[in-house]
C-alpha atoms as a PDB file:
ATOM      1  CA  UNK A   1     -11.952 -19.799 -16.500  1.00  0.00           C
ATOM      2  CA  UNK A   2      -9.397 -22.510 -17.366  1.00  0.00           C
ATOM      3  CA  UNK A   3      -6.643 -21.357 -19.696  1.00  0.00           C
ATOM      4  CA  UNK A   4      -7.350 -23.897 -22.405  1.00  0.00           C
ATOM      5  CA  UNK A   5      -9.162 -23.705 -25.749  1.00  0.00           C
ATOM      6  CA  UNK A   6     -12.693 -24.902 -26.289  1.00  0.00           C
ATOM      7  CA  UNK A   7     -13.002 -28.581 -27.172  1.00  0.00           C
ATOM      8  CA  UNK A   8     -15.774 -30.158 -29.197  1.00  0.00           C
ATOM      9  CA  UNK A   9     -18.923 -30.302 -27.144  1.00  0.00           C
ATOM     10  CA  UNK A  10     -17.916 -27.538 -24.705  1.00  0.00           C
ATOM     11  CA  UNK A  11     -18.962 -23.916 -25.139  1.00  0.00           C
ATOM     12  CA  UNK A  12     -17.121 -21.557 -22.793  1.00  0.00           C
ATOM     13  CA  UNK A  13     -18.909 -18.298 -22.124  1.00  0.00           C
ATOM     14  CA  UNK A  14     -17.414 -15.149 -20.625  1.00  0.00           C
ATOM     15  CA  UNK A  15     -20.667 -13.657 -19.418  1.00  0.00           C
ATOM     16  CA  UNK A  16     -20.590  -9.906 -18.840  1.00  0.00           C
ATOM     17  CA  UNK A  17     -23.059  -9.419 -15.986  1.00  0.00           C
ATOM     18  CA  UNK A  18     -24.475  -6.244 -14.483  1.00  0.00           C
ATOM     19  CA  UNK A  19     -27.104  -3.643 -15.310  1.00  0.00           C
ATOM     20  CA  UNK A  20     -27.830  -1.419 -18.288  1.00  0.00           C
ATOM     21  CA  UNK A  21     -25.846   1.790 -18.772  1.00  0.00           C
ATOM     22  CA  UNK A  22     -22.931   0.372 -16.775  1.00  0.00           C
ATOM     23  CA  UNK A  23     -20.410   0.081 -19.602  1.00  0.00           C
ATOM     24  CA  UNK A  24     -21.004  -3.595 -20.321  1.00  0.00           C
ATOM     25  CA  UNK A  25     -21.147  -2.998 -24.085  1.00  0.00           C
ATOM     26  CA  UNK A  26     -17.753  -1.291 -24.146  1.00  0.00           C
ATOM     27  CA  UNK A  27     -16.154  -3.876 -21.876  1.00  0.00           C
ATOM     28  CA  UNK A  28     -17.539  -6.842 -23.851  1.00  0.00           C
ATOM     29  CA  UNK A  29     -16.470  -5.344 -27.184  1.00  0.00           C
ATOM     30  CA  UNK A  30     -12.962  -4.790 -25.842  1.00  0.00           C
ATOM     31  CA  UNK A  31     -12.757  -8.327 -24.447  1.00  0.00           C
ATOM     32  CA  UNK A  32     -13.794  -9.500 -27.900  1.00  0.00           C
ATOM     33  CA  UNK A  33     -10.540  -8.069 -29.260  1.00  0.00           C
ATOM     34  CA  UNK A  34      -8.489 -10.524 -27.182  1.00  0.00           C
ATOM     35  CA  UNK A  35      -7.108 -13.640 -28.911  1.00  0.00           C
ATOM     36  CA  UNK A  36      -9.608 -16.493 -28.787  1.00  0.00           C
ATOM     37  CA  UNK A  37     -12.473 -14.316 -27.533  1.00  0.00           C
ATOM     38  CA  UNK A  38     -15.530 -13.732 -29.714  1.00  0.00           C
ATOM     39  CA  UNK A  39     -17.876 -10.910 -28.699  1.00  0.00           C
ATOM     40  CA  UNK A  40     -21.479 -11.498 -29.784  1.00  0.00           C
ATOM     41  CA  UNK A  41     -23.178  -8.768 -27.752  1.00  0.00           C
ATOM     42  CA  UNK A  42     -26.368  -9.571 -25.823  1.00  0.00           C
ATOM     43  CA  UNK A  43     -26.888 -13.057 -27.206  1.00  0.00           C
ATOM     44  CA  UNK A  44     -30.185 -13.575 -25.387  1.00  0.00           C
ATOM     45  CA  UNK A  45     -31.620 -11.176 -28.001  1.00  0.00           C
ATOM     46  CA  UNK A  46     -30.417 -13.303 -30.930  1.00  0.00           C
ATOM     47  CA  UNK A  47     -33.952 -14.612 -31.358  1.00  0.00           C
ATOM     48  CA  UNK A  48     -35.992 -11.415 -30.999  1.00  0.00           C
ATOM     49  CA  UNK A  49     -33.921  -8.467 -32.145  1.00  0.00           C
ATOM     50  CA  UNK A  50     -31.800 -10.554 -34.470  1.00  0.00           C
ATOM     51  CA  UNK A  51     -33.685 -13.341 -36.225  1.00  0.00           C
ATOM     52  CA  UNK A  52     -37.224 -11.954 -35.748  1.00  0.00           C
ATOM     53  CA  UNK A  53     -36.753  -8.157 -35.992  1.00  0.00           C
ATOM     54  CA  UNK A  54     -33.660  -8.167 -38.257  1.00  0.00           C
ATOM     55  CA  UNK A  55     -31.791  -5.418 -36.401  1.00  0.00           C
ATOM     56  CA  UNK A  56     -28.248  -4.532 -37.357  1.00  0.00           C
ATOM     57  CA  UNK A  57     -25.360  -6.775 -36.421  1.00  0.00           C
ATOM     58  CA  UNK A  58     -22.292  -5.071 -34.975  1.00  0.00           C
ATOM     59  CA  UNK A  59     -20.629  -5.556 -38.358  1.00  0.00           C
ATOM     60  CA  UNK A  60     -23.123  -3.047 -39.794  1.00  0.00           C
ATOM     61  CA  UNK A  61     -25.253  -5.473 -41.809  1.00  0.00           C
ATOM     62  CA  UNK A  62     -28.830  -6.489 -41.011  1.00  0.00           C
ATOM     63  CA  UNK A  63     -28.969  -9.802 -39.169  1.00  0.00           C
ATOM     64  CA  UNK A  64     -30.447 -11.563 -42.223  1.00  0.00           C
ATOM     65  CA  UNK A  65     -27.535 -10.383 -44.384  1.00  0.00           C
ATOM     66  CA  UNK A  66     -24.698 -11.119 -41.962  1.00  0.00           C
ATOM     67  CA  UNK A  67     -22.872 -14.276 -43.128  1.00  0.00           C
ATOM     68  CA  UNK A  68     -21.626 -14.957 -39.614  1.00  0.00           C
ATOM     69  CA  UNK A  69     -25.077 -15.115 -38.060  1.00  0.00           C
ATOM     70  CA  UNK A  70     -26.670 -16.877 -41.007  1.00  0.00           C
ATOM     71  CA  UNK A  71     -24.087 -19.639 -40.731  1.00  0.00           C
ATOM     72  CA  UNK A  72     -24.709 -19.927 -36.985  1.00  0.00           C
ATOM     73  CA  UNK A  73     -28.489 -20.050 -37.358  1.00  0.00           C
ATOM     74  CA  UNK A  74     -28.264 -22.551 -40.216  1.00  0.00           C
ATOM     75  CA  UNK A  75     -26.185 -24.845 -38.010  1.00  0.00           C
ATOM     76  CA  UNK A  76     -28.780 -24.649 -35.233  1.00  0.00           C
ATOM     77  CA  UNK A  77     -31.613 -25.249 -37.718  1.00  0.00           C
ATOM     78  CA  UNK A  78     -29.814 -28.286 -39.133  1.00  0.00           C
ATOM     79  CA  UNK A  79     -30.439 -30.004 -35.810  1.00  0.00           C
ATOM     80  CA  UNK A  80     -33.797 -28.552 -34.815  1.00  0.00           C
ATOM     81  CA  UNK A  81     -35.524 -27.853 -38.117  1.00  0.00           C
ATOM     82  CA  UNK A  82     -37.639 -24.741 -38.500  1.00  0.00           C
ATOM     83  CA  UNK A  83     -36.887 -22.323 -35.675  1.00  0.00           C
ATOM     84  CA  UNK A  84     -39.380 -20.094 -33.859  1.00  0.00           C
ATOM     85  CA  UNK A  85     -37.326 -16.949 -33.128  1.00  0.00           C
ATOM     86  CA  UNK A  86     -40.173 -14.711 -31.944  1.00  0.00           C
ATOM     87  CA  UNK A  87     -41.657 -17.414 -29.743  1.00  0.00           C
ATOM     88  CA  UNK A  88     -38.273 -18.348 -28.311  1.00  0.00           C
ATOM     89  CA  UNK A  89     -37.608 -14.685 -27.470  1.00  0.00           C
ATOM     90  CA  UNK A  90     -40.953 -14.332 -25.691  1.00  0.00           C
ATOM     91  CA  UNK A  91     -40.436 -17.486 -23.678  1.00  0.00           C
ATOM     92  CA  UNK A  92     -36.918 -16.494 -22.602  1.00  0.00           C
ATOM     93  CA  UNK A  93     -38.224 -13.121 -21.422  1.00  0.00           C
ATOM     94  CA  UNK A  94     -41.038 -14.809 -19.501  1.00  0.00           C
ATOM     95  CA  UNK A  95     -38.574 -17.079 -17.701  1.00  0.00           C
ATOM     96  CA  UNK A  96     -36.352 -14.165 -16.621  1.00  0.00           C
ATOM     97  CA  UNK A  97     -38.919 -11.672 -15.315  1.00  0.00           C
ATOM     98  CA  UNK A  98     -37.919  -9.707 -12.237  1.00  0.00           C
ATOM     99  CA  UNK A  99     -41.020 -10.853 -10.394  1.00  0.00           C
ATOM    100  CA  UNK A 100     -39.773 -14.439 -10.740  1.00  0.00           C
ATOM    101  CA  UNK A 101     -36.572 -13.735  -8.778  1.00  0.00           C
ATOM    102  CA  UNK A 102     -38.039 -14.630  -5.329  1.00  0.00           C
ATOM    103  CA  UNK A 103     -39.076 -18.041  -6.666  1.00  0.00           C
ATOM    104  CA  UNK A 104     -35.614 -18.474  -8.199  1.00  0.00           C
ATOM    105  CA  UNK A 105     -33.977 -17.662  -4.875  1.00  0.00           C
ATOM    106  CA  UNK A 106     -36.243 -20.093  -3.040  1.00  0.00           C
ATOM    107  CA  UNK A 107     -35.304 -22.860  -5.465  1.00  0.00           C
ATOM    108  CA  UNK A 108     -31.623 -22.030  -4.980  1.00  0.00           C
ATOM    109  CA  UNK A 109     -31.976 -22.333  -1.192  1.00  0.00           C
ATOM    110  CA  UNK A 110     -33.622 -25.720  -1.711  1.00  0.00           C
ATOM    111  CA  UNK A 111     -30.749 -26.907  -3.898  1.00  0.00           C
ATOM    112  CA  UNK A 112     -32.738 -26.796  -7.122  1.00  0.00           C
ATOM    113  CA  UNK A 113     -31.881 -24.914 -10.364  1.00  0.00           C
ATOM    114  CA  UNK A 114     -32.785 -21.236 -10.107  1.00  0.00           C
ATOM    115  CA  UNK A 115     -34.101 -21.248 -13.687  1.00  0.00           C
ATOM    116  CA  UNK A 116     -36.197 -24.319 -14.389  1.00  0.00           C
ATOM    117  CA  UNK A 117     -35.473 -26.495 -17.448  1.00  0.00           C
ATOM    118  CA  UNK A 118     -37.567 -25.788 -20.527  1.00  0.00           C
ATOM    119  CA  UNK A 119     -38.121 -27.379 -23.980  1.00  0.00           C
ATOM    120  CA  UNK A 120     -36.296 -24.400 -25.548  1.00  0.00           C
ATOM    121  CA  UNK A 121     -33.062 -25.274 -23.740  1.00  0.00           C
ATOM    122  CA  UNK A 122     -31.612 -27.626 -26.386  1.00  0.00           C
ATOM    123  CA  UNK A 123     -32.053 -24.921 -29.051  1.00  0.00           C
ATOM    124  CA  UNK A 124     -30.463 -22.269 -26.828  1.00  0.00           C
ATOM    125  CA  UNK A 125     -27.605 -24.607 -25.990  1.00  0.00           C
ATOM    126  CA  UNK A 126     -26.957 -25.423 -29.625  1.00  0.00           C
ATOM    127  CA  UNK A 127     -26.790 -21.695 -30.426  1.00  0.00           C
ATOM    128  CA  UNK A 128     -23.820 -21.413 -28.059  1.00  0.00           C
ATOM    129  CA  UNK A 129     -22.221 -24.592 -29.367  1.00  0.00           C
ATOM    130  CA  UNK A 130     -22.502 -23.196 -32.889  1.00  0.00           C
ATOM    131  CA  UNK A 131     -20.902 -19.931 -31.710  1.00  0.00           C
ATOM    132  CA  UNK A 132     -18.125 -21.857 -29.956  1.00  0.00           C
ATOM    133  CA  UNK A 133     -17.283 -23.550 -33.256  1.00  0.00           C
ATOM    134  CA  UNK A 134     -16.660 -20.197 -35.004  1.00  0.00           C
ATOM    135  CA  UNK A 135     -13.059 -19.055 -35.577  1.00  0.00           C
ATOM    136  CA  UNK A 136     -11.908 -16.764 -32.797  1.00  0.00           C
ATOM    137  CA  UNK A 137     -13.976 -18.387 -30.045  1.00  0.00           C
ATOM    138  CA  UNK A 138     -11.276 -20.811 -28.867  1.00  0.00           C
ATOM    139  CA  UNK A 139     -11.128 -19.294 -25.375  1.00  0.00           C
ATOM    140  CA  UNK A 140     -14.594 -17.852 -24.877  1.00  0.00           C
ATOM    141  CA  UNK A 141     -17.812 -16.534 -26.348  1.00  0.00           C
ATOM    142  CA  UNK A 142     -18.219 -13.053 -24.858  1.00  0.00           C
ATOM    143  CA  UNK A 143     -21.902 -12.578 -24.064  1.00  0.00           C
ATOM    144  CA  UNK A 144     -23.000  -9.222 -22.612  1.00  0.00           C
ATOM    145  CA  UNK A 145     -26.560 -10.323 -21.802  1.00  0.00           C
ATOM    146  CA  UNK A 146     -26.054  -8.953 -18.259  1.00  0.00           C
ATOM    147  CA  UNK A 147     -28.923 -10.672 -16.422  1.00  0.00           C
ATOM    148  CA  UNK A 148     -27.714 -13.106 -13.706  1.00  0.00           C
ATOM    149  CA  UNK A 149     -30.777 -15.367 -14.192  1.00  0.00           C
ATOM    150  CA  UNK A 150     -29.875 -15.779 -17.867  1.00  0.00           C
ATOM    151  CA  UNK A 151     -26.327 -16.672 -16.860  1.00  0.00           C
ATOM    152  CA  UNK A 152     -27.787 -19.359 -14.591  1.00  0.00           C
ATOM    153  CA  UNK A 153     -29.948 -20.596 -17.458  1.00  0.00           C
ATOM    154  CA  UNK A 154     -26.838 -20.965 -19.615  1.00  0.00           C
ATOM    155  CA  UNK A 155     -24.793 -22.567 -16.859  1.00  0.00           C
ATOM    156  CA  UNK A 156     -27.424 -25.284 -16.511  1.00  0.00           C
ATOM    157  CA  UNK A 157     -27.177 -26.312 -20.169  1.00  0.00           C
ATOM    158  CA  UNK A 158     -25.157 -29.424 -21.067  1.00  0.00           C
ATOM    159  CA  UNK A 159     -21.682 -28.596 -22.306  1.00  0.00           C
ATOM    160  CA  UNK A 160     -21.859 -24.870 -21.480  1.00  0.00           C
ATOM    161  CA  UNK A 161     -19.376 -23.409 -18.976  1.00  0.00           C
ATOM    162  CA  UNK A 162     -19.908 -19.871 -17.703  1.00  0.00           C
ATOM    163  CA  UNK A 163     -17.433 -17.449 -16.117  1.00  0.00           C
ATOM    164  CA  UNK A 164     -18.807 -14.069 -15.005  1.00  0.00           C
ATOM    165  CA  UNK A 165     -17.144 -10.736 -15.711  1.00  0.00           C
ATOM    166  CA  UNK A 166     -19.226  -8.577 -13.383  1.00  0.00           C
ATOM    167  CA  UNK A 167     -19.192  -4.942 -14.550  1.00  0.00           C
ATOM    168  CA  UNK A 168     -20.337  -2.424 -11.927  1.00  0.00           C
ATOM    169  CA  UNK A 169     -20.804   1.338 -12.260  1.00  0.00           C
ATOM    170  CA  UNK A 170     -21.824   3.959  -9.713  1.00  0.00           C
ATOM    171  CA  UNK A 171     -25.645   3.662  -9.522  1.00  0.00           C
ATOM    172  CA  UNK A 172     -26.072   7.438  -9.698  1.00  0.00           C
ATOM    173  CA  UNK A 173     -24.231   7.482 -13.001  1.00  0.00           C
ATOM    174  CA  UNK A 174     -26.374   4.662 -14.385  1.00  0.00           C
ATOM    175  CA  UNK A 175     -29.602   6.286 -13.161  1.00  0.00           C
ATOM    176  CA  UNK A 176     -28.614   9.577 -14.782  1.00  0.00           C
ATOM    177  CA  UNK A 177     -27.722   7.788 -18.028  1.00  0.00           C
ATOM    178  CA  UNK A 178     -31.096   6.003 -18.081  1.00  0.00           C
ATOM    179  CA  UNK A 179     -32.798   9.415 -18.168  1.00  0.00           C
ATOM    180  CA  UNK A 180     -31.010  10.399 -21.384  1.00  0.00           C
ATOM    181  CA  UNK A 181     -32.598   9.918 -24.784  1.00  0.00           C
ATOM    182  CA  UNK A 182     -30.402   7.784 -27.018  1.00  0.00           C
ATOM    183  CA  UNK A 183     -30.954   6.435 -30.543  1.00  0.00           C
ATOM    184  CA  UNK A 184     -30.673   2.667 -30.910  1.00  0.00           C
ATOM    185  CA  UNK A 185     -28.805   2.958 -34.253  1.00  0.00           C
ATOM    186  CA  UNK A 186     -29.559  -0.697 -34.981  1.00  0.00           C
ATOM    187  CA  UNK A 187     -32.715  -0.370 -37.075  1.00  0.00           C
ATOM    188  CA  UNK A 188     -33.860   1.619 -40.084  1.00  0.00           C
ATOM    189  CA  UNK A 189     -36.349   3.649 -38.050  1.00  0.00           C
ATOM    190  CA  UNK A 190     -35.578   6.407 -35.550  1.00  0.00           C
ATOM    191  CA  UNK A 191     -36.179   4.248 -32.479  1.00  0.00           C
ATOM    192  CA  UNK A 192     -34.843   5.442 -29.155  1.00  0.00           C
ATOM    193  CA  UNK A 193     -33.609   3.362 -26.257  1.00  0.00           C
ATOM    194  CA  UNK A 194     -36.126   3.151 -23.402  1.00  0.00           C
ATOM    195  CA  UNK A 195     -35.790   5.535 -20.476  1.00  0.00           C
ATOM    196  CA  UNK A 196     -36.603   4.374 -16.959  1.00  0.00           C
ATOM    197  CA  UNK A 197     -37.119   6.128 -13.647  1.00  0.00           C
ATOM    198  CA  UNK A 198     -34.370   6.551 -11.062  1.00  0.00           C
ATOM    199  CA  UNK A 199     -36.351   4.326  -8.689  1.00  0.00           C
ATOM    200  CA  UNK A 200     -36.576   1.465 -11.155  1.00  0.00           C
ATOM    201  CA  UNK A 201     -32.936   1.773 -12.201  1.00  0.00           C
ATOM    202  CA  UNK A 202     -31.909   1.739  -8.519  1.00  0.00           C
ATOM    203  CA  UNK A 203     -33.957  -1.359  -7.708  1.00  0.00           C
ATOM    204  CA  UNK A 204     -32.519  -3.191 -10.712  1.00  0.00           C
ATOM    205  CA  UNK A 205     -28.986  -2.055  -9.788  1.00  0.00           C
ATOM    206  CA  UNK A 206     -29.297  -3.497  -6.289  1.00  0.00           C
ATOM    207  CA  UNK A 207     -31.054  -6.676  -7.408  1.00  0.00           C
ATOM    208  CA  UNK A 208     -28.745  -7.721 -10.232  1.00  0.00           C
ATOM    209  CA  UNK A 209     -25.457  -6.571  -8.707  1.00  0.00           C
ATOM    210  CA  UNK A 210     -26.007  -8.190  -5.309  1.00  0.00           C
ATOM    211  CA  UNK A 211     -27.369 -11.333  -6.938  1.00  0.00           C
ATOM    212  CA  UNK A 212     -24.030 -11.995  -8.674  1.00  0.00           C
ATOM    213  CA  UNK A 213     -21.902 -12.609  -5.540  1.00  0.00           C
ATOM    214  CA  UNK A 214     -24.818 -14.449  -3.933  1.00  0.00           C
ATOM    215  CA  UNK A 215     -25.322 -16.855  -6.828  1.00  0.00           C
ATOM    216  CA  UNK A 216     -21.751 -17.285  -8.109  1.00  0.00           C
ATOM    217  CA  UNK A 217     -18.665 -18.534  -6.223  1.00  0.00           C
ATOM    218  CA  UNK A 218     -15.640 -16.237  -6.199  1.00  0.00           C
ATOM    219  CA  UNK A 219     -13.553 -18.586  -8.334  1.00  0.00           C
ATOM    220  CA  UNK A 220     -16.064 -18.338 -11.184  1.00  0.00           C
ATOM    221  CA  UNK A 221     -16.375 -14.570 -11.372  1.00  0.00           C
ATOM    222  CA  UNK A 222     -14.435 -11.338 -11.280  1.00  0.00           C
ATOM    223  CA  UNK A 223     -15.568  -7.778 -10.616  1.00  0.00           C
ATOM    224  CA  UNK A 224     -14.648  -4.902 -12.921  1.00  0.00           C
ATOM    225  CA  UNK A 225     -15.618  -1.408 -11.869  1.00  0.00           C
ATOM    226  CA  UNK A 226     -16.392   0.674 -14.942  1.00  0.00           C
ATOM    227  CA  UNK A 227     -14.633   3.679 -13.423  1.00  0.00           C
ATOM    228  CA  UNK A 228     -11.431   1.659 -12.997  1.00  0.00           C
ATOM    229  CA  UNK A 229     -11.708   0.358 -16.541  1.00  0.00           C
ATOM    230  CA  UNK A 230     -11.927   3.789 -18.171  1.00  0.00           C
ATOM    231  CA  UNK A 231      -9.259   5.243 -15.859  1.00  0.00           C
ATOM    232  CA  UNK A 232      -6.721   2.534 -16.727  1.00  0.00           C
ATOM    233  CA  UNK A 233      -8.013   0.310 -19.545  1.00  0.00           C
ATOM    234  CA  UNK A 234      -4.651  -1.403 -20.079  1.00  0.00           C
ATOM    235  CA  UNK A 235      -4.407  -2.614 -16.483  1.00  0.00           C
ATOM    236  CA  UNK A 236      -8.018  -3.751 -16.232  1.00  0.00           C
ATOM    237  CA  UNK A 237      -7.910  -5.499 -19.597  1.00  0.00           C
ATOM    238  CA  UNK A 238      -4.733  -7.322 -18.583  1.00  0.00           C
ATOM    239  CA  UNK A 239      -6.523  -8.542 -15.461  1.00  0.00           C
ATOM    240  CA  UNK A 240      -9.487  -9.752 -17.506  1.00  0.00           C
ATOM    241  CA  UNK A 241      -7.230 -11.442 -20.069  1.00  0.00           C
ATOM    242  CA  UNK A 242      -5.411 -13.333 -17.327  1.00  0.00           C
ATOM    243  CA  UNK A 243      -8.699 -14.585 -15.893  1.00  0.00           C
ATOM    244  CA  UNK A 244      -9.786 -15.821 -19.343  1.00  0.00           C
ATOM    245  CA  UNK A 245      -6.465 -17.484 -20.107  1.00  0.00           C
ATOM    246  CA  UNK A 246      -5.438 -15.189 -22.936  1.00  0.00           C
ATOM    247  CA  UNK A 247      -3.327 -12.049 -23.428  1.00  0.00           C
ATOM    248  CA  UNK A 248      -3.613  -8.446 -24.562  1.00  0.00           C
ATOM    249  CA  UNK A 249      -2.311  -7.871 -28.106  1.00  0.00           C
ATOM    250  CA  UNK A 250       0.309  -5.190 -28.484  1.00  0.00           C
ATOM    251  CA  UNK A 251      -1.193  -1.904 -29.689  1.00  0.00           C
ATOM    252  CA  UNK A 252      -4.756  -2.710 -28.660  1.00  0.00           C
ATOM    253  CA  UNK A 253      -4.637  -0.089 -25.901  1.00  0.00           C
ATOM    254  CA  UNK A 254      -2.691   3.139 -26.261  1.00  0.00           C
ATOM    255  CA  UNK A 255      -3.299   5.411 -23.305  1.00  0.00           C
ATOM    256  CA  UNK A 256      -7.004   6.202 -23.241  1.00  0.00           C
ATOM    257  CA  UNK A 257      -7.535   4.937 -26.808  1.00  0.00           C
ATOM    258  CA  UNK A 258      -8.657   1.388 -27.578  1.00  0.00           C
ATOM    259  CA  UNK A 259      -8.483   0.148 -31.158  1.00  0.00           C
ATOM    260  CA  UNK A 260     -11.657  -1.789 -31.854  1.00  0.00           C
ATOM    261  CA  UNK A 261     -12.335  -4.027 -34.828  1.00  0.00           C
ATOM    262  CA  UNK A 262     -16.020  -4.560 -35.700  1.00  0.00           C
ATOM    263  CA  UNK A 263     -17.740  -7.373 -33.826  1.00  0.00           C
ATOM    264  CA  UNK A 264     -20.793  -9.496 -34.549  1.00  0.00           C
ATOM    265  CA  UNK A 265     -22.694  -8.160 -31.546  1.00  0.00           C
ATOM    266  CA  UNK A 266     -26.333  -9.075 -32.080  1.00  0.00           C
ATOM    267  CA  UNK A 267     -27.744  -6.490 -29.644  1.00  0.00           C
ATOM    268  CA  UNK A 268     -26.766  -4.016 -26.962  1.00  0.00           C
ATOM    269  CA  UNK A 269     -26.029  -0.353 -26.428  1.00  0.00           C
ATOM    270  CA  UNK A 270     -25.654   1.494 -29.773  1.00  0.00           C
ATOM    271  CA  UNK A 271     -21.988   2.049 -28.952  1.00  0.00           C
ATOM    272  CA  UNK A 272     -21.495  -1.585 -30.005  1.00  0.00           C
ATOM    273  CA  UNK A 273     -21.423  -0.278 -33.589  1.00  0.00           C
ATOM    274  CA  UNK A 274     -18.336   1.866 -32.913  1.00  0.00           C
ATOM    275  CA  UNK A 275     -15.022   0.760 -34.413  1.00  0.00           C
ATOM    276  CA  UNK A 276     -11.561   2.202 -34.889  1.00  0.00           C
ATOM    277  CA  UNK A 277      -9.732   4.179 -32.207  1.00  0.00           C
ATOM    278  CA  UNK A 278     -12.260   4.745 -29.414  1.00  0.00           C
ATOM    279  CA  UNK A 279     -11.215   6.988 -26.534  1.00  0.00           C
ATOM    280  CA  UNK A 280     -12.596   6.082 -23.137  1.00  0.00           C
ATOM    281  CA  UNK A 281     -13.098   8.523 -20.288  1.00  0.00           C
ATOM    282  CA  UNK A 282     -15.251   8.973 -17.239  1.00  0.00           C
ATOM    283  CA  UNK A 283     -18.680  10.461 -17.737  1.00  0.00           C
ATOM    284  CA  UNK A 284     -19.328  12.246 -14.452  1.00  0.00           C
ATOM    285  CA  UNK A 285     -21.932  14.703 -15.679  1.00  0.00           C
ATOM    286  CA  UNK A 286     -24.342  13.300 -13.095  1.00  0.00           C
ATOM    287  CA  UNK A 287     -22.315  14.960 -10.319  1.00  0.00           C
ATOM    288  CA  UNK A 288     -23.357  18.427 -11.488  1.00  0.00           C
ATOM    289  CA  UNK A 289     -26.412  17.894 -13.696  1.00  0.00           C
ATOM    290  CA  UNK A 290     -28.406  15.337 -11.710  1.00  0.00           C
ATOM    291  CA  UNK A 291     -31.079  16.908  -9.450  1.00  0.00           C
ATOM    292  CA  UNK A 292     -30.072  16.614  -5.790  1.00  0.00           C
ATOM    293  CA  UNK A 293     -33.301  14.854  -4.835  1.00  0.00           C
ATOM    294  CA  UNK A 294     -32.784  12.169  -7.484  1.00  0.00           C
ATOM    295  CA  UNK A 295     -29.145  11.772  -6.516  1.00  0.00           C
ATOM    296  CA  UNK A 296     -29.975  11.189  -2.854  1.00  0.00           C
ATOM    297  CA  UNK A 297     -32.901   8.912  -3.702  1.00  0.00           C
ATOM    298  CA  UNK A 298     -30.552   6.661  -5.676  1.00  0.00           C
ATOM    299  CA  UNK A 299     -27.972   6.815  -2.889  1.00  0.00           C
ATOM    300  CA  UNK A 300     -30.490   5.670  -0.285  1.00  0.00           C
ATOM    301  CA  UNK A 301     -32.019   2.941  -2.441  1.00  0.00           C
ATOM    302  CA  UNK A 302     -28.610   1.568  -3.449  1.00  0.00           C
ATOM    303  CA  UNK A 303     -27.005   1.862  -0.013  1.00  0.00           C
ATOM    304  CA  UNK A 304     -26.753  -1.967   0.381  1.00  0.00           C
ATOM    305  CA  UNK A 305     -24.380  -2.128  -2.581  1.00  0.00           C
ATOM    306  CA  UNK A 306     -22.445   1.128  -2.472  1.00  0.00           C
ATOM    307  CA  UNK A 307     -19.880   0.143   0.115  1.00  0.00           C
ATOM    308  CA  UNK A 308     -19.608  -3.411  -1.185  1.00  0.00           C
ATOM    309  CA  UNK A 309     -18.411  -2.130  -4.561  1.00  0.00           C
ATOM    310  CA  UNK A 310     -16.327   0.748  -3.231  1.00  0.00           C
ATOM    311  CA  UNK A 311     -18.612   3.724  -3.835  1.00  0.00           C
ATOM    312  CA  UNK A 312     -19.064   6.549  -1.366  1.00  0.00           C
ATOM    313  CA  UNK A 313     -22.488   7.771  -0.304  1.00  0.00           C
ATOM    314  CA  UNK A 314     -21.464  11.343  -1.145  1.00  0.00           C
ATOM    315  CA  UNK A 315     -20.258  10.300  -4.584  1.00  0.00           C
END
């Protein structure tokens, strides 16, 4: 991403791509602490979980009571009139379904946009332009929406520039994490995050992670292994900051501790609500607690990507 601030009419997005349970929430929140970088969490859920369902913002307030998001949504509405958050959310989901990926790939091979234009696109684009106008977003809006097709949707919008920060984690660790029960912490009820099978998590891991280098040129992306990030957060964050044209503030990282200020993350892993001194470390419980059959099933299913991202078959 060019090392220059956003200008009027251009929204620069540092898109954190990858799969769930790969550390994208932590990485995006940390990037959001860099000068000129504004972390908004999984912005594709602004419409559903935010405006329609009124889940908690990362600042701790419900979406409808967060001044930041109300200002952003009011700016979008000033151009488009009454918004349809629930409908917009449903239509975005329909455009990004996994079963649509073969058609997207075929369009790419034919030189056409992977994600077709849609009447919702001007509203989505203006959401990012409104975010880019907020203080602290001079270098980039940090969006941890993860899905490569959504990144392509954004990259096709007028005045939106996307740079991918591709976060990868060992697929056996992500599969094991998906089997855990975890509270969402972003609503008044006792909702839990969904749990998915090791087969589904493996298929998604291969699909999304191999799609990134296939769909994005090397000069417009960087790869961050989650294990490297938690082992040496200062070094990895410095590498990310350089790619985004900014710097790491003194005192942000002290050993394994990262000092996080609250963000306005609209959705994501419940850890997005954490603030203060957060210690990062590897979570390798899967090595001893994951059933051997599941571990080897994930290894076999994810074999096409293990070596590419530096993971050993034996873990």
